[in-house]
Amino acid sequence: MQTTSIRPGEITRQWYLLDAEDQVLGRLASKVAQLLRGKSKPHFTPHMDMGDFVIIINASKVKVTGNKDTDKTYFSHSGYPGGARQIDLNEVRQKHPEKIIRNAVRGMLPHNRLGRSLLNHLKIYSANEHPHIAQQPQLLTNQ
């Protein structure tokens, strides 16, 4: 029995549209990470970028469970002494709601150059409109 390996030219990519309104952040992020990775495809190859493009709308209306609105913090450091900053989820939701979903999905992708290139296939918008109508994305519903 031979093992078949797909070539980069044979990869077909789809465009999917997800509405994040009233969806739980972690469950949405894991679904998006699997689509970006291409794990549902029959010729999945772990070292190749063979995933699909994902468009997420209404990112500002994503839901979190428990007390994460006040307890979850995002840490960043400038590299200078005393340059540590912590921002809670409510502040990030008001300023840059796209970063909440992008950060959650980034943590579920490989932590190497493949993961960084896969993250470029993710398009997140805080409102209901998106500029990717020409790609004719398929609407994914809650499953």
Protein backbone atom coordinates (compact mmCIF):
# COMPACT_ATOMS: atom_id res chain seq x y z
CA MET A 1 0.00 0.00 0.00
CA GLN A 2 1.36 3.39 -0.96
CA THR A 3 1.11 6.59 1.02
CA THR A 4 -0.17 9.43 -1.13
CA SER A 5 1.13 12.95 -0.58
CA ILE A 6 -0.66 15.96 -1.99
CA ARG A 7 1.23 18.61 -3.94
CA PRO A 8 0.78 22.35 -3.30
CA GLY A 9 -0.86 22.81 -6.70
CA GLU A 10 -3.54 20.23 -5.93
CA ILE A 11 -4.85 22.02 -2.83
CA THR A 12 -8.34 23.47 -3.15
CA ARG A 13 -9.35 26.21 -0.74
CA GLN A 14 -12.83 27.27 0.30
CA TRP A 15 -14.03 30.49 1.91
CA TYR A 16 -16.24 30.17 5.00
CA LEU A 17 -18.26 32.82 6.83
CA LEU A 18 -18.90 32.53 10.58
CA ASP A 19 -21.11 34.77 12.67
CA ALA A 20 -19.59 35.14 16.16
CA GLU A 21 -22.69 36.67 17.74
CA ASP A 22 -23.62 34.78 20.95
CA GLN A 23 -21.04 32.02 20.30
CA VAL A 24 -18.68 30.91 23.06
CA LEU A 25 -15.12 32.07 22.37
CA GLY A 26 -13.27 28.79 22.92
CA ARG A 27 -15.65 26.65 20.91
CA LEU A 28 -15.61 29.14 18.04
CA ALA A 29 -11.80 29.33 18.12
CA SER A 30 -11.35 25.56 17.98
CA LYS A 31 -13.73 25.28 15.02
CA VAL A 32 -11.86 28.06 13.20
CA ALA A 33 -8.44 26.51 13.96
CA GLN A 34 -9.53 23.20 12.44
CA LEU A 35 -10.78 24.94 9.30
CA LEU A 36 -7.58 26.99 8.95
CA ARG A 37 -5.48 23.87 9.40
CA GLY A 38 -7.51 21.76 6.94
CA LYS A 39 -7.92 18.83 9.31
CA SER A 40 -11.28 17.80 7.85
CA LYS A 41 -9.83 17.25 4.38
CA PRO A 42 -9.14 13.66 3.27
CA HIS A 43 -5.54 14.39 2.24
CA PHE A 44 -4.55 16.33 5.38
CA THR A 45 -0.79 16.73 5.65
CA PRO A 46 0.49 18.16 8.96
CA HIS A 47 3.45 20.06 7.52
CA MET A 48 1.56 21.82 4.70
CA ASP A 49 -0.68 24.88 4.52
CA MET A 50 -3.79 23.28 3.05
CA GLY A 51 -6.54 24.94 5.09
CA ASP A 52 -9.38 27.18 4.07
CA PHE A 53 -10.04 30.90 4.47
CA VAL A 54 -12.33 31.94 7.32
CA ILE A 55 -14.24 35.23 7.66
CA ILE A 56 -15.65 36.07 11.09
CA ILE A 57 -18.21 38.85 11.52
CA ASN A 58 -19.69 40.37 14.71
CA ALA A 59 -16.50 39.75 16.66
CA SER A 60 -17.50 42.32 19.27
CA LYS A 61 -20.52 40.18 20.24
CA VAL A 62 -18.62 36.98 21.07
CA LYS A 63 -19.61 35.42 24.37
CA VAL A 64 -17.37 34.21 27.21
CA THR A 65 -18.47 32.07 30.13
CA GLY A 66 -17.96 32.57 33.84
CA ASN A 67 -16.23 35.69 35.15
CA LYS A 68 -13.84 36.02 32.19
CA ASP A 69 -15.12 39.52 31.37
CA THR A 70 -13.37 40.86 34.46
CA ASP A 71 -10.84 38.12 35.33
CA LYS A 72 -9.22 37.35 31.95
CA THR A 73 -6.20 39.56 31.27
CA TYR A 74 -3.92 40.01 28.27
CA PHE A 75 -0.24 40.56 29.08
CA SER A 76 2.27 42.42 26.92
CA HIS A 77 5.78 43.71 27.54
CA SER A 78 7.62 46.38 25.58
CA GLY A 79 11.04 44.94 26.36
CA TYR A 80 12.06 47.92 28.47
CA PRO A 81 12.30 47.84 32.28
CA GLY A 82 8.86 48.47 33.73
CA GLY A 83 7.25 47.92 30.32
CA ALA A 84 4.77 45.27 31.44
CA ARG A 85 1.10 45.94 30.74
CA GLN A 86 -2.04 44.02 31.55
CA ILE A 87 -5.42 44.71 29.97
CA ASP A 88 -8.62 42.90 30.88
CA LEU A 89 -11.09 41.45 28.40
CA ASN A 90 -13.60 44.32 28.66
CA GLU A 91 -10.99 46.91 27.63
CA VAL A 92 -9.87 44.81 24.67
CA ARG A 93 -13.52 44.30 23.64
CA GLN A 94 -14.06 48.08 23.57
CA LYS A 95 -10.83 49.03 21.75
CA HIS A 96 -10.01 46.08 19.44
CA PRO A 97 -12.65 43.30 19.56
CA GLU A 98 -10.94 41.43 16.71
CA LYS A 99 -7.92 40.74 18.91
CA ILE A 100 -9.96 38.56 21.28
CA ILE A 101 -10.73 35.97 18.60
CA ARG A 102 -7.36 36.29 16.84
CA ASN A 103 -5.50 35.62 20.10
CA ALA A 104 -7.67 32.59 20.93
CA VAL A 105 -7.22 31.06 17.47
CA ARG A 106 -3.48 31.79 17.47
CA GLY A 107 -3.07 29.75 20.63
CA MET A 108 -4.68 26.73 18.95
CA LEU A 109 -2.46 26.77 15.85
CA PRO A 110 1.13 25.45 15.62
CA HIS A 111 3.67 27.78 17.21
CA ASN A 112 6.00 28.01 14.22
CA ARG A 113 6.13 29.62 10.78
CA LEU A 114 3.31 27.39 9.54
CA GLY A 115 1.00 28.72 12.26
CA ARG A 116 1.91 32.29 11.44
CA SER A 117 1.11 31.77 7.75
CA LEU A 118 -2.18 30.03 8.60
CA LEU A 119 -3.23 33.02 10.68
CA ASN A 120 -3.10 35.17 7.54
CA HIS A 121 -6.10 33.19 6.21
CA LEU A 122 -8.26 34.48 9.06
CA LYS A 123 -10.27 37.66 8.42
CA ILE A 124 -12.05 39.15 11.46
CA TYR A 125 -14.50 42.07 11.46
CA SER A 126 -16.25 43.56 14.49
CA ALA A 127 -19.33 44.65 12.50
CA ASN A 128 -21.78 42.77 10.32
CA GLU A 129 -20.20 43.76 6.97
CA HIS A 130 -17.13 42.33 5.25
CA PRO A 131 -15.40 43.14 1.92
CA HIS A 132 -15.06 39.50 0.73
CA ILE A 133 -18.33 39.12 -1.16
CA ALA A 134 -16.47 38.36 -4.41
CA GLN A 135 -15.06 35.15 -2.88
CA GLN A 136 -18.63 33.85 -2.31
CA PRO A 137 -18.07 32.46 1.20
CA GLN A 138 -20.21 29.60 2.45
CA LEU A 139 -22.14 30.36 5.61
CA LEU A 140 -21.32 27.97 8.47
CA THR A 141 -24.00 27.51 11.07
CA ASN A 142 -23.75 26.29 14.66
CA GLN A 143 -23.15 22.54 14.66
